[in-house]
Full PDB file with SEQRES, HELIX, SHEET, SSBOND, CRYST1, ORIGX, SCALE, CONECT and MASTER records, all heavy atoms in Angstrom:
SEQRES   1 A   34  GLN ALA PRO GLY LYS GLN ARG GLU LEU VAL ALA ALA VAL          
SEQRES   2 A   34  SER SER GLY GLY THR THR ASN TYR ALA ASP SER VAL LYS          
SEQRES   3 A   34  GLY ARG PHE THR ILE SER ARG ASP                              
SHEET    1 AA1 2 ALA A  11  VAL A  13  0                                        
SHEET    2 AA1 2 THR A  19  TYR A  21 -1                                        
CRYST1    1.000    1.000    1.000  90.00  90.00  90.00 P 1           1          
ORIGX1      1.000000  0.000000  0.000000        0.00000                         
ORIGX2      0.000000  1.000000  0.000000        0.00000                         
ORIGX3      0.000000  0.000000  1.000000        0.00000                         
SCALE1      1.000000  0.000000  0.000000        0.00000                         
SCALE2      0.000000  1.000000  0.000000        0.00000                         
SCALE3      0.000000  0.000000  1.000000        0.00000                         
ATOM      1  N   GLN A   1       0.860  -1.226   0.005  1.00  0.00           N  
ATOM      2  CA  GLN A   1      -0.007   0.004  -0.030  1.00  0.00           C  
ATOM      3  C   GLN A   1       0.841   1.232  -0.026  1.00  0.00           C  
ATOM      4  O   GLN A   1       1.651   1.401   0.971  1.00  0.00           O  
ATOM      5  CB  GLN A   1      -0.982   0.034   1.180  1.00  0.00           C  
ATOM      6  CG  GLN A   1      -1.922   1.113   1.146  1.00  0.00           C  
ATOM      7  CD  GLN A   1      -3.093   0.946   2.149  1.00  0.00           C  
ATOM      8  OE1 GLN A   1      -2.960   0.156   3.111  1.00  0.00           O  
ATOM      9  NE2 GLN A   1      -4.195   1.616   1.955  1.00  0.00           N  
ATOM     10  N   ALA A   2       0.762   1.980  -1.072  1.00  0.00           N  
ATOM     11  CA  ALA A   2       1.481   3.247  -1.097  1.00  0.00           C  
ATOM     12  C   ALA A   2       0.600   4.371  -0.663  1.00  0.00           C  
ATOM     13  O   ALA A   2      -0.580   4.266  -0.557  1.00  0.00           O  
ATOM     14  CB  ALA A   2       1.844   3.484  -2.657  1.00  0.00           C  
ATOM     15  N   PRO A   3       1.255   5.479  -0.202  1.00  0.00           N  
ATOM     16  CA  PRO A   3       0.484   6.607   0.335  1.00  0.00           C  
ATOM     17  C   PRO A   3      -0.629   7.040  -0.654  1.00  0.00           C  
ATOM     18  O   PRO A   3      -0.365   7.235  -1.799  1.00  0.00           O  
ATOM     19  CB  PRO A   3       1.503   7.681   0.547  1.00  0.00           C  
ATOM     20  CG  PRO A   3       2.770   6.941   0.709  1.00  0.00           C  
ATOM     21  CD  PRO A   3       2.645   5.751  -0.142  1.00  0.00           C  
ATOM     22  N   GLY A   4      -1.850   7.131  -0.145  1.00  0.00           N  
ATOM     23  CA  GLY A   4      -3.039   7.638  -0.905  1.00  0.00           C  
ATOM     24  C   GLY A   4      -3.509   6.618  -1.953  1.00  0.00           C  
ATOM     25  O   GLY A   4      -4.455   6.968  -2.693  1.00  0.00           O  
ATOM     26  N   LYS A   5      -3.013   5.400  -1.847  1.00  0.00           N  
ATOM     27  CA  LYS A   5      -3.504   4.377  -2.790  1.00  0.00           C  
ATOM     28  C   LYS A   5      -4.102   3.168  -2.003  1.00  0.00           C  
ATOM     29  O   LYS A   5      -3.827   2.979  -0.864  1.00  0.00           O  
ATOM     30  CB  LYS A   5      -2.332   3.816  -3.616  1.00  0.00           C  
ATOM     31  CG  LYS A   5      -1.851   4.940  -4.658  1.00  0.00           C  
ATOM     32  CD  LYS A   5      -0.777   4.359  -5.655  1.00  0.00           C  
ATOM     33  CE  LYS A   5      -0.282   5.445  -6.540  1.00  0.00           C  
ATOM     34  NZ  LYS A   5       0.695   4.812  -7.529  1.00  0.00           N  
ATOM     35  N   GLN A   6      -4.885   2.328  -2.690  1.00  0.00           N  
ATOM     36  CA  GLN A   6      -5.460   1.207  -2.130  1.00  0.00           C  
ATOM     37  C   GLN A   6      -4.386   0.060  -2.027  1.00  0.00           C  
ATOM     38  O   GLN A   6      -3.381   0.039  -2.728  1.00  0.00           O  
ATOM     39  CB  GLN A   6      -6.565   0.684  -2.976  1.00  0.00           C  
ATOM     40  CG  GLN A   6      -7.839   1.569  -2.893  1.00  0.00           C  
ATOM     41  CD  GLN A   6      -9.072   0.928  -3.599  1.00  0.00           C  
ATOM     42  OE1 GLN A   6      -8.942   0.167  -4.516  1.00  0.00           O  
ATOM     43  NE2 GLN A   6     -10.221   1.238  -3.053  1.00  0.00           N  
ATOM     44  N   ARG A   7      -4.560  -0.806  -1.046  1.00  0.00           N  
ATOM     45  CA  ARG A   7      -3.781  -1.944  -0.956  1.00  0.00           C  
ATOM     46  C   ARG A   7      -3.865  -2.827  -2.105  1.00  0.00           C  
ATOM     47  O   ARG A   7      -4.985  -3.090  -2.600  1.00  0.00           O  
ATOM     48  CB  ARG A   7      -4.035  -2.668   0.324  1.00  0.00           C  
ATOM     49  CG  ARG A   7      -3.062  -3.808   0.748  1.00  0.00           C  
ATOM     50  CD  ARG A   7      -3.373  -4.298   2.094  1.00  0.00           C  
ATOM     51  NE  ARG A   7      -3.224  -3.382   3.140  1.00  0.00           N  
ATOM     52  CZ  ARG A   7      -3.254  -3.674   4.420  1.00  0.00           C  
ATOM     53  NH1 ARG A   7      -3.383  -4.976   4.799  1.00  0.00           N  
ATOM     54  NH2 ARG A   7      -3.127  -2.782   5.393  1.00  0.00           N  
ATOM     55  N   GLU A   8      -2.798  -3.272  -2.638  1.00  0.00           N  
ATOM     56  CA  GLU A   8      -2.848  -4.128  -3.879  1.00  0.00           C  
ATOM     57  C   GLU A   8      -2.089  -5.409  -3.725  1.00  0.00           C  
ATOM     58  O   GLU A   8      -0.989  -5.437  -3.010  1.00  0.00           O  
ATOM     59  CB  GLU A   8      -2.384  -3.337  -5.140  1.00  0.00           C  
ATOM     60  CG  GLU A   8      -0.869  -2.984  -4.994  1.00  0.00           C  
ATOM     61  CD  GLU A   8      -0.414  -2.295  -6.308  1.00  0.00           C  
ATOM     62  OE1 GLU A   8      -1.121  -2.176  -7.275  1.00  0.00           O  
ATOM     63  OE2 GLU A   8       0.802  -1.861  -6.266  1.00  0.00           O  
ATOM     64  N   LEU A   9      -2.514  -6.412  -4.362  1.00  0.00           N  
ATOM     65  CA  LEU A   9      -1.751  -7.702  -4.373  1.00  0.00           C  
ATOM     66  C   LEU A   9      -0.492  -7.610  -5.212  1.00  0.00           C  
ATOM     67  O   LEU A   9      -0.497  -7.094  -6.299  1.00  0.00           O  
ATOM     68  CB  LEU A   9      -2.715  -8.876  -4.922  1.00  0.00           C  
ATOM     69  CG  LEU A   9      -1.993 -10.179  -5.098  1.00  0.00           C  
ATOM     70  CD1 LEU A   9      -1.613 -10.782  -3.707  1.00  0.00           C  
ATOM     71  CD2 LEU A   9      -2.862 -11.113  -5.849  1.00  0.00           C  
ATOM     72  N   VAL A  10       0.595  -8.086  -4.665  1.00  0.00           N  
ATOM     73  CA  VAL A  10       1.903  -8.132  -5.303  1.00  0.00           C  
ATOM     74  C   VAL A  10       2.165  -9.416  -5.911  1.00  0.00           C  
ATOM     75  O   VAL A  10       2.495  -9.602  -7.029  1.00  0.00           O  
ATOM     76  CB  VAL A  10       3.010  -7.609  -4.330  1.00  0.00           C  
ATOM     77  CG1 VAL A  10       4.379  -7.760  -5.066  1.00  0.00           C  
ATOM     78  CG2 VAL A  10       2.789  -6.190  -3.888  1.00  0.00           C  
ATOM     79  N   ALA A  11       2.088 -10.428  -5.013  1.00  0.00           N  
ATOM     80  CA  ALA A  11       2.427 -11.794  -5.429  1.00  0.00           C  
ATOM     81  C   ALA A  11       1.757 -12.796  -4.427  1.00  0.00           C  
ATOM     82  O   ALA A  11       1.541 -12.414  -3.236  1.00  0.00           O  
ATOM     83  CB  ALA A  11       3.939 -12.061  -5.435  1.00  0.00           C  
ATOM     84  N   ALA A  12       1.482 -14.024  -4.853  1.00  0.00           N  
ATOM     85  CA  ALA A  12       0.915 -15.028  -3.994  1.00  0.00           C  
ATOM     86  C   ALA A  12       1.424 -16.353  -4.384  1.00  0.00           C  
ATOM     87  O   ALA A  12       1.841 -16.582  -5.556  1.00  0.00           O  
ATOM     88  CB  ALA A  12      -0.603 -15.017  -4.193  1.00  0.00           C  
ATOM     89  N   VAL A  13       1.495 -17.221  -3.456  1.00  0.00           N  
ATOM     90  CA  VAL A  13       1.933 -18.640  -3.643  1.00  0.00           C  
ATOM     91  C   VAL A  13       0.990 -19.553  -2.886  1.00  0.00           C  
ATOM     92  O   VAL A  13       0.644 -19.337  -1.678  1.00  0.00           O  
ATOM     93  CB  VAL A  13       3.374 -18.849  -3.168  1.00  0.00           C  
ATOM     94  CG1 VAL A  13       3.582 -18.404  -1.737  1.00  0.00           C  
ATOM     95  CG2 VAL A  13       3.909 -20.214  -3.444  1.00  0.00           C  
ATOM     96  N   SER A  14       0.494 -20.486  -3.626  1.00  0.00           N  
ATOM     97  CA  SER A  14      -0.436 -21.519  -3.059  1.00  0.00           C  
ATOM     98  C   SER A  14       0.259 -22.501  -2.231  1.00  0.00           C  
ATOM     99  O   SER A  14       1.458 -22.557  -2.154  1.00  0.00           O  
ATOM    100  CB  SER A  14      -1.226 -22.158  -4.131  1.00  0.00           C  
ATOM    101  OG  SER A  14      -0.364 -23.002  -4.840  1.00  0.00           O  
ATOM    102  N   SER A  15      -0.530 -23.317  -1.475  1.00  0.00           N  
ATOM    103  CA  SER A  15       0.056 -24.406  -0.731  1.00  0.00           C  
ATOM    104  C   SER A  15       0.814 -25.384  -1.571  1.00  0.00           C  
ATOM    105  O   SER A  15       1.813 -25.933  -1.136  1.00  0.00           O  
ATOM    106  CB  SER A  15      -1.044 -25.175   0.059  1.00  0.00           C  
ATOM    107  OG  SER A  15      -2.013 -25.703  -0.858  1.00  0.00           O  
ATOM    108  N   GLY A  16       0.518 -25.516  -2.842  1.00  0.00           N  
ATOM    109  CA  GLY A  16       1.163 -26.387  -3.707  1.00  0.00           C  
ATOM    110  C   GLY A  16       2.319 -25.689  -4.517  1.00  0.00           C  
ATOM    111  O   GLY A  16       3.058 -26.406  -5.261  1.00  0.00           O  
ATOM    112  N   GLY A  17       2.570 -24.463  -4.244  1.00  0.00           N  
ATOM    113  CA  GLY A  17       3.700 -23.730  -4.906  1.00  0.00           C  
ATOM    114  C   GLY A  17       3.354 -22.984  -6.143  1.00  0.00           C  
ATOM    115  O   GLY A  17       4.194 -22.402  -6.699  1.00  0.00           O  
ATOM    116  N   THR A  18       2.045 -22.929  -6.522  1.00  0.00           N  
ATOM    117  CA  THR A  18       1.696 -22.130  -7.708  1.00  0.00           C  
ATOM    118  C   THR A  18       1.783 -20.645  -7.339  1.00  0.00           C  
ATOM    119  O   THR A  18       1.321 -20.289  -6.305  1.00  0.00           O  
ATOM    120  CB  THR A  18       0.302 -22.478  -8.170  1.00  0.00           C  
ATOM    121  OG1 THR A  18       0.181 -23.887  -8.477  1.00  0.00           O  
ATOM    122  CG2 THR A  18      -0.035 -21.662  -9.364  1.00  0.00           C  
ATOM    123  N   THR A  19       2.394 -19.907  -8.243  1.00  0.00           N  
ATOM    124  CA  THR A  19       2.626 -18.467  -8.021  1.00  0.00           C  
ATOM    125  C   THR A  19       1.837 -17.587  -8.901  1.00  0.00           C  
ATOM    126  O   THR A  19       1.574 -18.075 -10.112  1.00  0.00           O  
ATOM    127  CB  THR A  19       4.044 -18.138  -8.013  1.00  0.00           C  
ATOM    128  OG1 THR A  19       4.579 -18.457  -9.306  1.00  0.00           O  
ATOM    129  CG2 THR A  19       4.840 -18.841  -6.932  1.00  0.00           C  
ATOM    130  N   ASN A  20       1.460 -16.405  -8.512  1.00  0.00           N  
ATOM    131  CA  ASN A  20       0.969 -15.416  -9.490  1.00  0.00           C  
ATOM    132  C   ASN A  20       1.426 -14.102  -8.997  1.00  0.00           C  
ATOM    133  O   ASN A  20       1.760 -13.806  -7.890  1.00  0.00           O  
ATOM    134  CB  ASN A  20      -0.579 -15.456  -9.596  1.00  0.00           C  
ATOM    135  CG  ASN A  20      -1.254 -15.070  -8.302  1.00  0.00           C  
ATOM    136  OD1 ASN A  20      -1.371 -15.860  -7.453  1.00  0.00           O  
ATOM    137  ND2 ASN A  20      -1.807 -13.885  -8.347  1.00  0.00           N  
ATOM    138  N   TYR A  21       1.601 -13.194  -9.907  1.00  0.00           N  
ATOM    139  CA  TYR A  21       2.202 -11.845  -9.765  1.00  0.00           C  
ATOM    140  C   TYR A  21       1.346 -10.733 -10.349  1.00  0.00           C  
ATOM    141  O   TYR A  21       0.684 -10.924 -11.395  1.00  0.00           O  
ATOM    142  CB  TYR A  21       3.505 -11.782 -10.432  1.00  0.00           C  
ATOM    143  CG  TYR A  21       4.507 -12.767  -9.781  1.00  0.00           C  
ATOM    144  CD1 TYR A  21       4.720 -14.040 -10.250  1.00  0.00           C  
ATOM    145  CD2 TYR A  21       5.328 -12.417  -8.686  1.00  0.00           C  
ATOM    146  CE1 TYR A  21       5.608 -14.967  -9.771  1.00  0.00           C  
ATOM    147  CE2 TYR A  21       6.188 -13.316  -8.130  1.00  0.00           C  
ATOM    148  CZ  TYR A  21       6.430 -14.597  -8.675  1.00  0.00           C  
ATOM    149  OH  TYR A  21       7.250 -15.439  -8.115  1.00  0.00           O  
ATOM    150  N   ALA A  22       1.398  -9.585  -9.775  1.00  0.00           N  
ATOM    151  CA  ALA A  22       0.845  -8.371 -10.391  1.00  0.00           C  
ATOM    152  C   ALA A  22       1.618  -8.119 -11.680  1.00  0.00           C  
ATOM    153  O   ALA A  22       2.923  -8.332 -11.684  1.00  0.00           O  
ATOM    154  CB  ALA A  22       0.971  -7.189  -9.401  1.00  0.00           C  
ATOM    155  N   ASP A  23       0.989  -7.538 -12.712  1.00  0.00           N  
ATOM    156  CA  ASP A  23       1.722  -7.308 -13.915  1.00  0.00           C  
ATOM    157  C   ASP A  23       2.864  -6.395 -13.745  1.00  0.00           C  
ATOM    158  O   ASP A  23       3.954  -6.537 -14.342  1.00  0.00           O  
ATOM    159  CB  ASP A  23       0.770  -6.692 -14.946  1.00  0.00           C  
ATOM    160  CG  ASP A  23      -0.202  -7.666 -15.472  1.00  0.00           C  
ATOM    161  OD1 ASP A  23       0.033  -8.927 -15.445  1.00  0.00           O  
ATOM    162  OD2 ASP A  23      -1.285  -7.308 -16.043  1.00  0.00           O  
ATOM    163  N   SER A  24       2.780  -5.435 -12.705  1.00  0.00           N  
ATOM    164  CA  SER A  24       3.751  -4.465 -12.528  1.00  0.00           C  
ATOM    165  C   SER A  24       5.106  -5.028 -11.920  1.00  0.00           C  
ATOM    166  O   SER A  24       6.117  -4.319 -11.993  1.00  0.00           O  
ATOM    167  CB  SER A  24       3.244  -3.416 -11.586  1.00  0.00           C  
ATOM    168  OG  SER A  24       2.882  -3.971 -10.338  1.00  0.00           O  
ATOM    169  N   VAL A  25       5.043  -6.218 -11.431  1.00  0.00           N  
ATOM    170  CA  VAL A  25       6.229  -6.800 -10.823  1.00  0.00           C  
ATOM    171  C   VAL A  25       6.743  -8.059 -11.478  1.00  0.00           C  
ATOM    172  O   VAL A  25       7.819  -8.607 -11.117  1.00  0.00           O  
ATOM    173  CB  VAL A  25       6.042  -7.072  -9.249  1.00  0.00           C  
ATOM    174  CG1 VAL A  25       5.565  -5.791  -8.583  1.00  0.00           C  
ATOM    175  CG2 VAL A  25       5.133  -8.225  -9.063  1.00  0.00           C  
ATOM    176  N   LYS A  26       6.008  -8.502 -12.465  1.00  0.00           N  
ATOM    177  CA  LYS A  26       6.395  -9.700 -13.233  1.00  0.00           C  
ATOM    178  C   LYS A  26       7.835  -9.582 -13.791  1.00  0.00           C  
ATOM    179  O   LYS A  26       8.116  -8.556 -14.425  1.00  0.00           O  
ATOM    180  CB  LYS A  26       5.413 -10.080 -14.274  1.00  0.00           C  
ATOM    181  CG  LYS A  26       4.211 -10.733 -13.823  1.00  0.00           C  
ATOM    182  CD  LYS A  26       3.208 -11.095 -15.012  1.00  0.00           C  
ATOM    183  CE  LYS A  26       1.951 -11.684 -14.442  1.00  0.00           C  
ATOM    184  NZ  LYS A  26       0.976 -11.905 -15.570  1.00  0.00           N  
ATOM    185  N   GLY A  27       8.654 -10.589 -13.566  1.00  0.00           N  
ATOM    186  CA  GLY A  27       9.972 -10.621 -14.072  1.00  0.00           C  
ATOM    187  C   GLY A  27      10.934  -9.896 -13.146  1.00  0.00           C  
ATOM    188  O   GLY A  27      12.150  -9.996 -13.319  1.00  0.00           O  
ATOM    189  N   ARG A  28      10.432  -9.287 -12.156  1.00  0.00           N  
ATOM    190  CA  ARG A  28      11.385  -8.533 -11.164  1.00  0.00           C  
ATOM    191  C   ARG A  28      11.208  -9.103  -9.755  1.00  0.00           C  
ATOM    192  O   ARG A  28      12.279  -9.102  -9.101  1.00  0.00           O  
ATOM    193  CB  ARG A  28      11.019  -7.031 -11.157  1.00  0.00           C  
ATOM    194  CG  ARG A  28      11.132  -6.293 -12.489  1.00  0.00           C  
ATOM    195  CD  ARG A  28      10.924  -4.810 -12.334  1.00  0.00           C  
ATOM    196  NE  ARG A  28       9.665  -4.405 -11.790  1.00  0.00           N  
ATOM    197  CZ  ARG A  28       9.462  -3.653 -10.710  1.00  0.00           C  
ATOM    198  NH1 ARG A  28      10.463  -3.399 -10.042  1.00  0.00           N  
ATOM    199  NH2 ARG A  28       8.202  -3.416 -10.331  1.00  0.00           N  
ATOM    200  N   PHE A  29      10.062  -9.537  -9.380  1.00  0.00           N  
ATOM    201  CA  PHE A  29       9.836 -10.067  -7.999  1.00  0.00           C  
ATOM    202  C   PHE A  29       9.639 -11.540  -8.116  1.00  0.00           C  
ATOM    203  O   PHE A  29       9.075 -12.086  -9.027  1.00  0.00           O  
ATOM    204  CB  PHE A  29       8.642  -9.438  -7.371  1.00  0.00           C  
ATOM    205  CG  PHE A  29       8.772  -7.951  -7.025  1.00  0.00           C  
ATOM    206  CD1 PHE A  29       9.815  -7.138  -7.501  1.00  0.00           C  
ATOM    207  CD2 PHE A  29       7.820  -7.331  -6.236  1.00  0.00           C  
ATOM    208  CE1 PHE A  29       9.968  -5.792  -7.128  1.00  0.00           C  
ATOM    209  CE2 PHE A  29       7.850  -6.032  -5.919  1.00  0.00           C  
ATOM    210  CZ  PHE A  29       8.991  -5.277  -6.352  1.00  0.00           C  
ATOM    211  N   THR A  30      10.079 -12.240  -7.041  1.00  0.00           N  
ATOM    212  CA  THR A  30       9.879 -13.681  -6.841  1.00  0.00           C  
ATOM    213  C   THR A  30       9.382 -14.007  -5.504  1.00  0.00           C  
ATOM    214  O   THR A  30      10.069 -13.654  -4.555  1.00  0.00           O  
ATOM    215  CB  THR A  30      11.146 -14.444  -7.167  1.00  0.00           C  
ATOM    216  OG1 THR A  30      11.715 -14.130  -8.499  1.00  0.00           O  
ATOM    217  CG2 THR A  30      10.934 -15.960  -7.080  1.00  0.00           C  
ATOM    218  N   ILE A  31       8.221 -14.684  -5.460  1.00  0.00           N  
ATOM    219  CA  ILE A  31       7.662 -15.166  -4.177  1.00  0.00           C  
ATOM    220  C   ILE A  31       8.058 -16.611  -3.978  1.00  0.00           C  
ATOM    221  O   ILE A  31       8.045 -17.388  -4.958  1.00  0.00           O  
ATOM    222  CB  ILE A  31       6.216 -14.839  -4.035  1.00  0.00           C  
ATOM    223  CG1 ILE A  31       5.762 -15.168  -2.584  1.00  0.00           C  
ATOM    224  CG2 ILE A  31       5.422 -15.722  -5.139  1.00  0.00           C  
ATOM    225  CD1 ILE A  31       4.278 -14.737  -2.384  1.00  0.00           C  
ATOM    226  N   SER A  32       8.455 -16.979  -2.812  1.00  0.00           N  
ATOM    227  CA  SER A  32       8.675 -18.382  -2.482  1.00  0.00           C  
ATOM    228  C   SER A  32       8.308 -18.736  -1.078  1.00  0.00           C  
ATOM    229  O   SER A  32       8.105 -17.721  -0.211  1.00  0.00           O  
ATOM    230  CB  SER A  32      10.153 -18.681  -2.701  1.00  0.00           C  
ATOM    231  OG  SER A  32      10.934 -17.986  -1.875  1.00  0.00           O  
ATOM    232  N   ARG A  33       8.190 -19.931  -0.722  1.00  0.00           N  
ATOM    233  CA  ARG A  33       7.771 -20.343   0.647  1.00  0.00           C  
ATOM    234  C   ARG A  33       8.625 -21.541   1.096  1.00  0.00           C  
ATOM    235  O   ARG A  33       8.944 -22.355   0.234  1.00  0.00           O  
ATOM    236  CB  ARG A  33       6.294 -20.671   0.755  1.00  0.00           C  
ATOM    237  CG  ARG A  33       5.824 -21.811  -0.042  1.00  0.00           C  
ATOM    238  CD  ARG A  33       4.300 -21.946  -0.104  1.00  0.00           C  
ATOM    239  NE  ARG A  33       3.689 -22.090   1.285  1.00  0.00           N  
ATOM    240  CZ  ARG A  33       2.482 -21.917   1.543  1.00  0.00           C  
ATOM    241  NH1 ARG A  33       1.603 -21.444   0.648  1.00  0.00           N  
ATOM    242  NH2 ARG A  33       1.995 -22.052   2.831  1.00  0.00           N  
ATOM    243  N   ASP A  34       8.903 -21.570   2.403  1.00  0.00           N  
ATOM    244  CA  ASP A  34       9.580 -22.672   3.003  1.00  0.00           C  
ATOM    245  C   ASP A  34       8.695 -23.232   4.057  1.00  0.00           C  
ATOM    246  O   ASP A  34       8.557 -22.678   5.120  1.00  0.00           O  
ATOM    247  CB  ASP A  34      10.902 -22.350   3.488  1.00  0.00           C  
ATOM    248  CG  ASP A  34      11.719 -23.525   4.003  1.00  0.00           C  
ATOM    249  OD1 ASP A  34      11.097 -24.553   4.409  1.00  0.00           O  
ATOM    250  OD2 ASP A  34      12.946 -23.294   4.082  1.00  0.00           O  
TER     251      ASP A  34                                                      
MASTER        0    0    0    0    2    0    0    6  250    1    0    3          
END                                                                             
């Protein structure tokens, strides 16, 4: 959440490891879980 803006999804990872990303961060951000 940036100042004056709504909270937005950046990235998510499912219990099985499937990931999805906001278009604005694709190719730059990586989500992972241990």
